[in-house]
């Protein structure tokens, strides 16, 4: 089964699915800045484009380009800035 999610008035769109018993999403972020909260831990991989990420509780922004990943702890969150339209893959770990 595939689920569709839309966040921030359509600026972030994702399709959710399950593979090997693990939830995952793939999606697209248009240029802009947003903040996400997490219930469970996540691994985000930039598939195409680039993102600036600041994890909750951290001072500095980090740059992630195509093919790079970052992890977000459970019960946390992160701020995201996209200067270009960017595709991502999120694994719930």
N, C-alpha and C. Protein backbone atom coordinates (compact mmCIF):
# COMPACT_ATOMS: atom_id res chain seq x y z
N UNK A 1 0.84 -1.18 0.00
CA UNK A 1 0.00 0.00 0.00
C UNK A 1 0.89 1.24 0.00
N UNK A 2 0.50 2.24 -0.77
CA UNK A 2 1.23 3.50 -0.85
C UNK A 2 0.36 4.60 -0.26
N UNK A 3 0.95 5.41 0.61
CA UNK A 3 0.23 6.54 1.20
C UNK A 3 0.86 7.84 0.70
N UNK A 4 0.06 8.87 0.60
CA UNK A 4 0.53 10.19 0.17
C UNK A 4 0.41 11.16 1.33
N UNK A 5 1.47 11.95 1.56
CA UNK A 5 1.45 13.00 2.57
C UNK A 5 1.87 14.31 1.94
N UNK A 6 1.24 15.37 2.39
CA UNK A 6 1.58 16.71 1.93
C UNK A 6 1.78 17.59 3.16
N UNK A 7 2.89 18.31 3.20
CA UNK A 7 3.23 19.16 4.34
C UNK A 7 3.49 20.58 3.87
N UNK A 8 3.29 21.54 4.77
CA UNK A 8 3.63 22.94 4.51
C UNK A 8 2.97 23.43 3.22
N UNK A 9 1.65 23.29 3.19
CA UNK A 9 0.82 23.70 2.05
C UNK A 9 1.36 23.21 0.71
N UNK A 10 1.80 21.97 0.70
CA UNK A 10 2.25 21.33 -0.54
C UNK A 10 3.72 21.49 -0.87
N UNK A 11 4.48 22.21 -0.05
CA UNK A 11 5.90 22.42 -0.33
C UNK A 11 6.72 21.15 -0.17
N UNK A 12 6.20 20.19 0.60
CA UNK A 12 6.86 18.89 0.77
C UNK A 12 5.80 17.83 0.49
N UNK A 13 6.09 16.95 -0.45
CA UNK A 13 5.19 15.86 -0.81
C UNK A 13 5.94 14.55 -0.63
N UNK A 14 5.26 13.55 -0.05
CA UNK A 14 5.93 12.26 0.11
C UNK A 14 4.97 11.11 -0.16
N UNK A 15 5.57 10.00 -0.58
CA UNK A 15 4.86 8.74 -0.75
C UNK A 15 5.44 7.76 0.26
N UNK A 16 4.57 7.16 1.06
CA UNK A 16 5.00 6.21 2.07
C UNK A 16 4.74 4.79 1.64
N UNK A 17 5.63 3.89 2.06
CA UNK A 17 5.49 2.48 1.74
C UNK A 17 6.25 1.66 2.78
N UNK A 18 6.06 0.36 2.73
CA UNK A 18 6.77 -0.53 3.64
C UNK A 18 7.58 -1.53 2.82
N UNK A 19 8.81 -1.76 3.23
CA UNK A 19 9.68 -2.73 2.54
C UNK A 19 10.44 -3.51 3.60
N UNK A 20 10.38 -4.82 3.51
CA UNK A 20 11.05 -5.70 4.49
C UNK A 20 10.65 -5.36 5.92
N UNK A 21 9.37 -5.00 6.10
CA UNK A 21 8.85 -4.72 7.43
C UNK A 21 9.22 -3.35 7.98
N UNK A 22 9.84 -2.49 7.17
CA UNK A 22 10.25 -1.16 7.64
C UNK A 22 9.54 -0.08 6.85
N UNK A 23 9.04 0.92 7.57
CA UNK A 23 8.39 2.06 6.92
C UNK A 23 9.42 2.96 6.27
N UNK A 24 9.07 3.48 5.10
CA UNK A 24 9.94 4.38 4.36
C UNK A 24 9.08 5.39 3.61
N UNK A 25 9.69 6.51 3.26
CA UNK A 25 9.03 7.47 2.39
C UNK A 25 10.03 7.97 1.36
N UNK A 26 9.53 8.38 0.23
CA UNK A 26 10.32 9.10 -0.77
C UNK A 26 9.53 10.36 -1.07
N UNK A 27 10.25 11.46 -1.30
CA UNK A 27 9.52 12.69 -1.51
C UNK A 27 10.34 13.78 -2.15
N UNK A 28 9.68 14.92 -2.30
CA UNK A 28 10.29 16.08 -2.92
C UNK A 28 9.99 17.30 -2.05
N UNK A 29 11.02 18.15 -1.93
CA UNK A 29 10.91 19.41 -1.19
C UNK A 29 11.21 20.54 -2.16
N UNK A 30 10.30 21.50 -2.29
CA UNK A 30 10.57 22.66 -3.13
C UNK A 30 11.35 23.67 -2.28
N UNK A 31 12.02 24.64 -2.92
CA UNK A 31 12.80 25.60 -2.16
C UNK A 31 11.99 26.25 -1.03
N UNK A 32 12.62 26.33 0.14
CA UNK A 32 11.98 26.91 1.31
C UNK A 32 12.62 26.40 2.57
N UNK A 33 12.08 26.84 3.71
CA UNK A 33 12.59 26.44 5.03
C UNK A 33 11.44 25.87 5.85
N UNK A 34 11.71 24.76 6.55
CA UNK A 34 10.68 24.07 7.31
C UNK A 34 11.29 23.41 8.55
N UNK A 35 10.42 23.04 9.48
CA UNK A 35 10.86 22.29 10.66
C UNK A 35 9.97 21.05 10.80
N UNK A 36 10.62 19.91 10.98
CA UNK A 36 9.93 18.64 11.15
C UNK A 36 10.16 18.11 12.56
N UNK A 37 9.15 17.48 13.13
CA UNK A 37 9.25 16.75 14.39
C UNK A 37 9.30 15.26 14.08
N UNK A 38 9.97 14.48 14.94
CA UNK A 38 10.04 13.04 14.72
C UNK A 38 9.49 12.29 15.93
N UNK A 39 8.76 11.22 15.68
CA UNK A 39 8.36 10.30 16.74
C UNK A 39 9.43 9.23 16.89
N UNK A 40 9.76 8.59 15.77
CA UNK A 40 10.78 7.55 15.75
C UNK A 40 12.04 8.06 15.08
N UNK A 41 13.13 7.32 15.26
CA UNK A 41 14.40 7.69 14.62
C UNK A 41 14.27 7.55 13.11
N UNK A 42 14.96 8.42 12.38
CA UNK A 42 14.90 8.44 10.92
C UNK A 42 16.29 8.59 10.32
N UNK A 43 16.46 8.02 9.16
CA UNK A 43 17.66 8.26 8.33
C UNK A 43 17.17 8.89 7.03
N UNK A 44 17.66 10.08 6.75
CA UNK A 44 17.27 10.80 5.54
C UNK A 44 18.45 10.79 4.56
N UNK A 45 18.18 10.41 3.33
CA UNK A 45 19.18 10.41 2.27
C UNK A 45 18.73 11.39 1.19
N UNK A 46 19.64 12.25 0.78
CA UNK A 46 19.36 13.18 -0.32
C UNK A 46 19.57 12.42 -1.62
N UNK A 47 18.51 12.26 -2.39
CA UNK A 47 18.56 11.52 -3.64
C UNK A 47 19.01 12.42 -4.78
N UNK A 48 18.53 13.65 -4.78
CA UNK A 48 18.85 14.61 -5.83
C UNK A 48 18.70 16.01 -5.23
N UNK A 49 19.65 16.89 -5.48
CA UNK A 49 19.59 18.23 -4.94
C UNK A 49 20.49 18.38 -3.74
N UNK A 50 20.12 19.28 -2.82
CA UNK A 50 20.92 19.51 -1.63
C UNK A 50 20.07 20.17 -0.55
N UNK A 51 20.47 19.96 0.69
CA UNK A 51 19.74 20.50 1.84
C UNK A 51 20.71 21.04 2.88
N UNK A 52 20.28 22.06 3.60
CA UNK A 52 20.94 22.48 4.84
C UNK A 52 20.07 21.96 5.97
N UNK A 53 20.71 21.31 6.96
CA UNK A 53 19.98 20.67 8.05
C UNK A 53 20.56 21.13 9.38
N UNK A 54 19.68 21.42 10.33
CA UNK A 54 20.08 21.69 11.71
C UNK A 54 19.23 20.83 12.61
N UNK A 55 19.88 19.86 13.26
CA UNK A 55 19.17 18.98 14.19
C UNK A 55 18.80 19.76 15.45
N UNK A 56 17.64 19.47 16.02
CA UNK A 56 17.26 20.09 17.29
C UNK A 56 18.36 19.86 18.32
N UNK A 57 18.69 20.90 19.07
CA UNK A 57 19.73 20.81 20.10
C UNK A 57 21.13 21.07 19.58
N UNK A 58 21.30 21.26 18.29
CA UNK A 58 22.60 21.56 17.70
C UNK A 58 22.66 23.02 17.28
N UNK A 59 23.84 23.59 17.29
CA UNK A 59 24.01 25.01 16.94
C UNK A 59 24.20 25.24 15.46
N UNK A 60 24.86 24.31 14.76
CA UNK A 60 25.31 24.55 13.41
C UNK A 60 24.47 23.86 12.34
N UNK A 61 24.36 24.50 11.20
CA UNK A 61 23.74 23.93 10.02
C UNK A 61 24.78 23.09 9.30
N UNK A 62 24.35 21.98 8.70
CA UNK A 62 25.24 21.12 7.92
C UNK A 62 24.67 20.95 6.52
N UNK A 63 25.54 20.89 5.55
CA UNK A 63 25.16 20.75 4.15
C UNK A 63 25.15 19.28 3.76
N UNK A 64 24.09 18.85 3.09
CA UNK A 64 23.98 17.48 2.58
C UNK A 64 23.65 17.55 1.10
N UNK A 65 24.48 16.92 0.29
CA UNK A 65 24.26 16.91 -1.15
C UNK A 65 23.84 15.51 -1.60
N UNK A 66 23.60 15.37 -2.86
CA UNK A 66 23.14 14.11 -3.43
C UNK A 66 24.01 12.94 -2.96
N UNK A 67 23.34 11.89 -2.47
CA UNK A 67 24.02 10.68 -2.02
C UNK A 67 24.45 10.68 -0.58
N UNK A 68 24.25 11.78 0.15
CA UNK A 68 24.63 11.82 1.56
C UNK A 68 23.41 11.64 2.45
N UNK A 69 23.65 11.24 3.70
CA UNK A 69 22.56 10.93 4.65
C UNK A 69 22.84 11.57 6.00
N UNK A 70 21.76 11.72 6.76
CA UNK A 70 21.88 12.13 8.16
C UNK A 70 20.82 11.38 8.95
N UNK A 71 21.06 11.24 10.25
CA UNK A 71 20.10 10.55 11.12
C UNK A 71 19.54 11.51 12.15
N UNK A 72 18.26 11.31 12.45
CA UNK A 72 17.54 12.14 13.41
C UNK A 72 17.07 11.23 14.54
N UNK A 73 17.40 11.56 15.79
CA UNK A 73 16.95 10.72 16.91
C UNK A 73 15.43 10.74 17.07
N UNK A 74 14.91 9.72 17.72
CA UNK A 74 13.48 9.66 18.06
C UNK A 74 13.13 10.81 19.00
N UNK A 75 11.86 11.21 18.96
CA UNK A 75 11.33 12.27 19.83
C UNK A 75 12.17 13.54 19.74
N UNK A 76 12.46 13.93 18.52
CA UNK A 76 13.34 15.07 18.26
C UNK A 76 12.77 15.85 17.08
N UNK A 77 13.65 16.49 16.33
CA UNK A 77 13.23 17.22 15.15
C UNK A 77 14.42 17.81 14.44
N UNK A 78 14.13 18.47 13.32
CA UNK A 78 15.20 19.11 12.56
C UNK A 78 14.62 20.21 11.69
N UNK A 79 15.45 21.22 11.45
CA UNK A 79 15.09 22.30 10.54
C UNK A 79 15.77 22.01 9.21
N UNK A 80 15.09 22.38 8.15
CA UNK A 80 15.58 22.07 6.81
C UNK A 80 15.46 23.32 5.95
N UNK A 81 16.49 23.56 5.14
CA UNK A 81 16.46 24.64 4.15
C UNK A 81 16.82 24.04 2.80
N UNK A 82 15.97 24.26 1.83
CA UNK A 82 16.23 23.79 0.47
C UNK A 82 16.32 25.01 -0.44
N UNK A 83 17.46 25.16 -1.11
CA UNK A 83 17.63 26.26 -2.06
C UNK A 83 17.16 25.85 -3.46
N UNK A 84 17.17 24.53 -3.70
CA UNK A 84 16.72 23.98 -4.99
C UNK A 84 15.74 22.85 -4.69
N UNK A 85 14.91 22.51 -5.65
CA UNK A 85 14.00 21.37 -5.48
C UNK A 85 14.84 20.13 -5.23
N UNK A 86 14.51 19.40 -4.16
CA UNK A 86 15.34 18.29 -3.70
C UNK A 86 14.48 17.05 -3.44
N UNK A 87 14.98 15.90 -3.87
CA UNK A 87 14.32 14.62 -3.62
C UNK A 87 15.02 13.93 -2.46
N UNK A 88 14.24 13.21 -1.64
CA UNK A 88 14.81 12.52 -0.49
C UNK A 88 14.20 11.12 -0.34
N UNK A 89 14.89 10.32 0.45
CA UNK A 89 14.42 9.00 0.86
C UNK A 89 14.56 8.96 2.37
N UNK A 90 13.49 8.65 3.08
CA UNK A 90 13.49 8.57 4.54
C UNK A 90 13.22 7.14 4.98
N UNK A 91 14.13 6.62 5.80
CA UNK A 91 13.95 5.29 6.39
C UNK A 91 13.68 5.48 7.88
N UNK A 92 12.68 4.80 8.38
CA UNK A 92 12.37 4.85 9.81
C UNK A 92 13.15 3.72 10.46
N UNK A 93 14.14 4.08 11.27
CA UNK A 93 15.10 3.11 11.80
C UNK A 93 14.88 2.78 13.26
